[in-house]
Amino acid sequence: MDLTAIDFPKDVFWVNMAHGTAGVGWIYAILYQAAGEQRYLDAAADAARYIEGIAVGDDEAALVPYLDSLERGPSTEFYYLSWCHGPAGRLFCSRPCTGSRGRRSTSIG
């Protein structure tokens, strides 16, 4: 999505559920479930690793910035807690990656 249309700098992108990396990772996880092709699971895992890499927190809890920038890095001024850019959406994203016994094979959020 070209965020310059709504006055964001050119190098900025969203990373969460509604229109970002977590949502794309979720779609790849769904594709993996439907098709069973490893490339889809790999793409979902790549999305999860990226999100975990920019998360701010510790072993108990973490928040993910709603924006990232190739030039300035993740935005840490504030964090959304909603579905579209917050933990609620990322929790939703992790469901397709949960195995049949409830163990997570990879994490999207």
N, C-alpha and C. Protein backbone atom coordinates (compact mmCIF):
# COMPACT_ATOMS: atom_id res chain seq x y z
N MET A 1 0.84 -1.17 0.00
CA MET A 1 0.00 0.00 0.00
C MET A 1 0.89 1.24 0.00
N ASP A 2 0.59 2.17 -0.86
CA ASP A 2 1.35 3.41 -0.96
C ASP A 2 0.85 4.41 0.08
N LEU A 3 1.58 4.53 1.16
CA LEU A 3 1.16 5.40 2.26
C LEU A 3 1.40 6.88 1.99
N THR A 4 2.12 7.19 0.91
CA THR A 4 2.32 8.60 0.58
C THR A 4 0.99 9.26 0.22
N ALA A 5 0.00 8.49 -0.20
CA ALA A 5 -1.31 9.03 -0.53
C ALA A 5 -2.01 9.64 0.68
N ILE A 6 -1.59 9.23 1.88
CA ILE A 6 -2.17 9.80 3.11
C ILE A 6 -1.09 10.48 3.94
N ASP A 7 -0.11 11.07 3.26
CA ASP A 7 0.91 11.93 3.84
C ASP A 7 1.93 11.23 4.74
N PHE A 8 2.16 9.94 4.56
CA PHE A 8 3.26 9.27 5.26
C PHE A 8 4.51 9.35 4.39
N PRO A 9 5.69 9.36 4.98
CA PRO A 9 6.92 9.36 4.18
C PRO A 9 6.99 8.10 3.30
N LYS A 10 7.70 8.19 2.21
CA LYS A 10 7.77 7.11 1.21
C LYS A 10 8.30 5.79 1.77
N ASP A 11 9.21 5.83 2.74
CA ASP A 11 9.85 4.60 3.22
C ASP A 11 9.11 3.94 4.38
N VAL A 12 7.92 4.40 4.73
CA VAL A 12 7.17 3.89 5.88
C VAL A 12 6.17 2.83 5.44
N PHE A 13 6.04 1.77 6.24
CA PHE A 13 5.04 0.74 5.95
C PHE A 13 4.46 0.20 7.25
N TRP A 14 3.24 -0.32 7.15
CA TRP A 14 2.55 -0.91 8.29
C TRP A 14 2.99 -2.35 8.48
N VAL A 15 2.97 -2.81 9.72
CA VAL A 15 3.47 -4.16 9.99
C VAL A 15 2.44 -5.08 10.64
N ASN A 16 1.25 -4.61 10.91
CA ASN A 16 0.31 -5.41 11.69
C ASN A 16 -0.80 -6.02 10.83
N MET A 17 -1.89 -6.39 11.45
CA MET A 17 -2.92 -7.21 10.82
C MET A 17 -3.66 -6.57 9.67
N ALA A 18 -4.19 -5.39 9.87
CA ALA A 18 -5.14 -4.82 8.91
C ALA A 18 -4.56 -4.65 7.51
N HIS A 19 -3.38 -4.13 7.39
CA HIS A 19 -2.78 -3.92 6.07
C HIS A 19 -1.26 -4.00 6.17
N GLY A 20 -0.78 -4.98 6.88
CA GLY A 20 0.66 -5.08 7.07
C GLY A 20 1.18 -6.50 7.06
N THR A 21 2.38 -6.64 7.57
CA THR A 21 3.10 -7.90 7.57
C THR A 21 2.34 -9.02 8.27
N ALA A 22 1.74 -8.74 9.41
CA ALA A 22 1.01 -9.78 10.14
C ALA A 22 -0.16 -10.31 9.31
N GLY A 23 -0.89 -9.42 8.65
CA GLY A 23 -2.00 -9.85 7.81
C GLY A 23 -1.54 -10.69 6.63
N VAL A 24 -0.44 -10.29 6.02
CA VAL A 24 0.11 -11.06 4.91
C VAL A 24 0.58 -12.43 5.41
N GLY A 25 1.24 -12.44 6.57
CA GLY A 25 1.67 -13.72 7.15
C GLY A 25 0.50 -14.63 7.44
N TRP A 26 -0.61 -14.05 7.92
CA TRP A 26 -1.82 -14.82 8.19
C TRP A 26 -2.35 -15.46 6.92
N ILE A 27 -2.38 -14.71 5.83
CA ILE A 27 -2.84 -15.26 4.55
C ILE A 27 -1.93 -16.41 4.11
N TYR A 28 -0.62 -16.26 4.27
CA TYR A 28 0.28 -17.35 3.92
C TYR A 28 0.03 -18.58 4.78
N ALA A 29 -0.27 -18.39 6.05
CA ALA A 29 -0.58 -19.53 6.93
C ALA A 29 -1.86 -20.23 6.48
N ILE A 30 -2.86 -19.47 6.07
CA ILE A 30 -4.10 -20.04 5.55
C ILE A 30 -3.82 -20.81 4.26
N LEU A 31 -3.01 -20.24 3.38
CA LEU A 31 -2.64 -20.93 2.15
C LEU A 31 -1.91 -22.24 2.44
N TYR A 32 -1.04 -22.21 3.45
CA TYR A 32 -0.34 -23.45 3.82
C TYR A 32 -1.33 -24.52 4.28
N GLN A 33 -2.29 -24.12 5.11
CA GLN A 33 -3.30 -25.07 5.57
C GLN A 33 -4.09 -25.66 4.41
N ALA A 34 -4.40 -24.84 3.43
CA ALA A 34 -5.22 -25.28 2.30
C ALA A 34 -4.42 -26.11 1.30
N ALA A 35 -3.20 -25.68 1.01
CA ALA A 35 -2.43 -26.32 -0.06
C ALA A 35 -1.34 -27.26 0.45
N GLY A 36 -0.92 -27.06 1.69
CA GLY A 36 0.14 -27.91 2.25
C GLY A 36 1.51 -27.66 1.66
N GLU A 37 1.68 -26.55 0.96
CA GLU A 37 2.99 -26.26 0.34
C GLU A 37 3.89 -25.54 1.33
N GLN A 38 5.08 -26.07 1.51
CA GLN A 38 6.04 -25.56 2.47
C GLN A 38 6.37 -24.09 2.25
N ARG A 39 6.38 -23.64 1.01
CA ARG A 39 6.74 -22.24 0.73
C ARG A 39 5.80 -21.26 1.43
N TYR A 40 4.53 -21.65 1.61
CA TYR A 40 3.59 -20.77 2.30
C TYR A 40 3.88 -20.72 3.80
N LEU A 41 4.20 -21.86 4.37
CA LEU A 41 4.56 -21.87 5.79
C LEU A 41 5.85 -21.10 6.02
N ASP A 42 6.80 -21.26 5.11
CA ASP A 42 8.06 -20.51 5.22
C ASP A 42 7.81 -19.00 5.18
N ALA A 43 6.92 -18.55 4.29
CA ALA A 43 6.60 -17.12 4.19
C ALA A 43 5.92 -16.64 5.47
N ALA A 44 5.01 -17.44 6.02
CA ALA A 44 4.35 -17.08 7.28
C ALA A 44 5.37 -16.98 8.41
N ALA A 45 6.30 -17.92 8.46
CA ALA A 45 7.34 -17.90 9.49
C ALA A 45 8.26 -16.70 9.33
N ASP A 46 8.57 -16.33 8.09
CA ASP A 46 9.39 -15.13 7.84
C ASP A 46 8.69 -13.88 8.37
N ALA A 47 7.39 -13.79 8.13
CA ALA A 47 6.62 -12.65 8.65
C ALA A 47 6.68 -12.62 10.17
N ALA A 48 6.52 -13.78 10.80
CA ALA A 48 6.56 -13.86 12.26
C ALA A 48 7.92 -13.45 12.80
N ARG A 49 8.99 -13.91 12.17
CA ARG A 49 10.34 -13.54 12.62
C ARG A 49 10.57 -12.04 12.51
N TYR A 50 10.10 -11.46 11.41
CA TYR A 50 10.25 -10.01 11.24
C TYR A 50 9.53 -9.26 12.36
N ILE A 51 8.27 -9.64 12.62
CA ILE A 51 7.48 -8.98 13.66
C ILE A 51 8.14 -9.16 15.02
N GLU A 52 8.59 -10.37 15.33
CA GLU A 52 9.27 -10.60 16.60
C GLU A 52 10.55 -9.79 16.71
N GLY A 53 11.19 -9.55 15.57
CA GLY A 53 12.44 -8.80 15.55
C GLY A 53 12.28 -7.32 15.87
N ILE A 54 11.11 -6.76 15.60
CA ILE A 54 10.92 -5.33 15.90
C ILE A 54 10.09 -5.12 17.16
N ALA A 55 9.64 -6.20 17.79
CA ALA A 55 8.82 -6.08 19.00
C ALA A 55 9.64 -5.47 20.14
N VAL A 56 8.96 -4.73 20.99
CA VAL A 56 9.57 -4.08 22.14
C VAL A 56 8.97 -4.70 23.39
N GLY A 57 9.80 -5.25 24.26
CA GLY A 57 9.31 -5.86 25.50
C GLY A 57 10.29 -6.86 26.05
N ASP A 58 9.75 -7.89 26.71
CA ASP A 58 10.58 -8.92 27.33
C ASP A 58 9.91 -10.28 27.15
N ASP A 59 10.34 -11.28 27.94
CA ASP A 59 9.77 -12.62 27.82
C ASP A 59 8.31 -12.69 28.28
N GLU A 60 7.87 -11.73 29.05
CA GLU A 60 6.51 -11.73 29.58
C GLU A 60 5.50 -11.06 28.64
N ALA A 61 5.91 -10.00 27.98
CA ALA A 61 5.00 -9.26 27.11
C ALA A 61 5.80 -8.40 26.14
N ALA A 62 5.18 -8.13 25.00
CA ALA A 62 5.83 -7.29 23.99
C ALA A 62 4.77 -6.56 23.19
N LEU A 63 5.14 -5.40 22.71
CA LEU A 63 4.30 -4.63 21.80
C LEU A 63 5.04 -4.48 20.49
N VAL A 64 4.27 -4.40 19.42
CA VAL A 64 4.86 -4.25 18.09
C VAL A 64 4.50 -2.86 17.57
N PRO A 65 5.49 -2.10 17.11
CA PRO A 65 5.19 -0.79 16.54
C PRO A 65 4.21 -0.93 15.38
N TYR A 66 3.40 0.08 15.18
CA TYR A 66 2.43 0.00 14.09
C TYR A 66 3.04 0.39 12.75
N LEU A 67 4.18 1.07 12.76
CA LEU A 67 4.87 1.46 11.54
C LEU A 67 6.34 1.05 11.61
N ASP A 68 6.92 0.80 10.45
CA ASP A 68 8.36 0.60 10.36
C ASP A 68 8.85 1.48 9.22
N SER A 69 10.11 1.82 9.27
CA SER A 69 10.70 2.69 8.25
C SER A 69 12.06 2.11 7.86
N LEU A 70 12.30 2.04 6.59
CA LEU A 70 13.60 1.55 6.12
C LEU A 70 14.73 2.48 6.52
N GLU A 71 14.43 3.77 6.64
CA GLU A 71 15.45 4.76 6.98
C GLU A 71 15.57 5.00 8.48
N ARG A 72 14.45 5.04 9.21
CA ARG A 72 14.45 5.41 10.63
C ARG A 72 14.21 4.26 11.59
N GLY A 73 13.81 3.12 11.10
CA GLY A 73 13.50 1.99 11.97
C GLY A 73 12.07 2.05 12.47
N PRO A 74 11.69 1.12 13.34
CA PRO A 74 10.31 1.06 13.84
C PRO A 74 9.91 2.30 14.63
N SER A 75 8.64 2.64 14.51
CA SER A 75 8.07 3.75 15.25
C SER A 75 7.78 3.30 16.68
N THR A 76 8.30 4.01 17.65
CA THR A 76 8.08 3.62 19.06
C THR A 76 7.45 4.75 19.87
N GLU A 77 6.87 5.74 19.20
CA GLU A 77 6.25 6.86 19.91
C GLU A 77 5.00 6.42 20.66
N PHE A 78 4.21 5.54 20.05
CA PHE A 78 3.00 5.02 20.69
C PHE A 78 2.65 3.69 20.03
N TYR A 79 1.78 2.95 20.67
CA TYR A 79 1.38 1.62 20.20
C TYR A 79 -0.14 1.51 20.23
N TYR A 80 -0.68 0.92 19.19
CA TYR A 80 -2.11 0.63 19.17
C TYR A 80 -2.36 -0.69 19.89
N LEU A 81 -3.50 -0.82 20.53
CA LEU A 81 -3.86 -2.04 21.24
C LEU A 81 -5.10 -2.70 20.63
N SER A 82 -5.46 -2.30 19.45
CA SER A 82 -6.69 -2.74 18.80
C SER A 82 -6.45 -3.92 17.87
N TRP A 83 -7.48 -4.24 17.10
CA TRP A 83 -7.42 -5.35 16.16
C TRP A 83 -6.52 -5.04 14.98
N CYS A 84 -6.66 -3.85 14.41
CA CYS A 84 -5.97 -3.56 13.15
C CYS A 84 -4.47 -3.40 13.29
N HIS A 85 -4.01 -2.81 14.37
CA HIS A 85 -2.57 -2.57 14.53
C HIS A 85 -2.06 -2.99 15.90
N GLY A 86 -2.79 -3.82 16.60
CA GLY A 86 -2.39 -4.17 17.95
C GLY A 86 -2.38 -5.66 18.21
N PRO A 87 -2.22 -6.03 19.47
CA PRO A 87 -2.11 -7.43 19.86
C PRO A 87 -3.33 -8.27 19.51
N ALA A 88 -4.52 -7.66 19.50
CA ALA A 88 -5.72 -8.44 19.17
C ALA A 88 -5.63 -9.02 17.76
N GLY A 89 -5.19 -8.22 16.82
CA GLY A 89 -5.02 -8.71 15.45
C GLY A 89 -3.92 -9.73 15.32
N ARG A 90 -2.81 -9.50 16.01
CA ARG A 90 -1.71 -10.48 15.92
C ARG A 90 -2.08 -11.79 16.59
N LEU A 91 -2.86 -11.75 17.65
CA LEU A 91 -3.32 -12.99 18.28
C LEU A 91 -4.20 -13.77 17.30
N PHE A 92 -5.07 -13.06 16.61
CA PHE A 92 -5.89 -13.68 15.57
C PHE A 92 -5.02 -14.32 14.50
N CYS A 93 -3.95 -13.66 14.13
CA CYS A 93 -3.04 -14.17 13.11
C CYS A 93 -2.37 -15.46 13.53
N SER A 94 -2.12 -15.64 14.81
CA SER A 94 -1.37 -16.82 15.25
C SER A 94 -2.21 -18.09 15.19
N ARG A 95 -3.52 -18.01 15.14
CA ARG A 95 -4.38 -19.19 15.15
C ARG A 95 -4.10 -20.17 14.02
N PRO A 96 -3.95 -19.72 12.76
CA PRO A 96 -3.70 -20.69 11.69
C PRO A 96 -2.39 -21.46 11.84
N CYS A 97 -1.48 -20.95 12.65
CA CYS A 97 -0.18 -21.60 12.82
C CYS A 97 -0.15 -22.53 14.02
N THR A 98 -1.29 -22.76 14.64
CA THR A 98 -1.35 -23.63 15.80
C THR A 98 -1.62 -25.05 15.34
N GLY A 99 -0.84 -25.98 15.82
CA GLY A 99 -1.02 -27.38 15.43
C GLY A 99 -2.27 -27.99 16.02
N SER A 100 -2.59 -29.19 15.62
CA SER A 100 -3.83 -29.85 16.04
C SER A 100 -3.87 -30.11 17.54
N ARG A 101 -2.73 -30.18 18.19
CA ARG A 101 -2.72 -30.40 19.66
C ARG A 101 -2.55 -29.10 20.41
N GLY A 102 -2.72 -27.97 19.71
CA GLY A 102 -2.67 -26.69 20.38
C GLY A 102 -1.26 -26.12 20.56
N ARG A 103 -0.27 -26.78 19.99
CA ARG A 103 1.08 -26.25 20.07
C ARG A 103 1.34 -25.39 18.85
N ARG A 104 2.04 -24.32 19.05
CA ARG A 104 2.34 -23.42 17.97
C ARG A 104 3.52 -23.95 17.18
N SER A 105 3.36 -24.07 15.85
CA SER A 105 4.47 -24.48 15.02
C SER A 105 5.28 -23.28 14.57
N THR A 106 4.65 -22.14 14.50
CA THR A 106 5.32 -20.87 14.26
C THR A 106 4.39 -19.79 14.77
N SER A 107 4.89 -18.61 14.90
CA SER A 107 4.08 -17.53 15.47
C SER A 107 3.96 -16.40 14.47
N ILE A 108 2.78 -15.85 14.34
CA ILE A 108 2.59 -14.67 13.50
C ILE A 108 2.50 -13.43 14.37
N GLY A 109 2.27 -13.52 15.59
CA GLY A 109 2.12 -12.32 16.41
C GLY A 109 2.39 -12.55 17.78
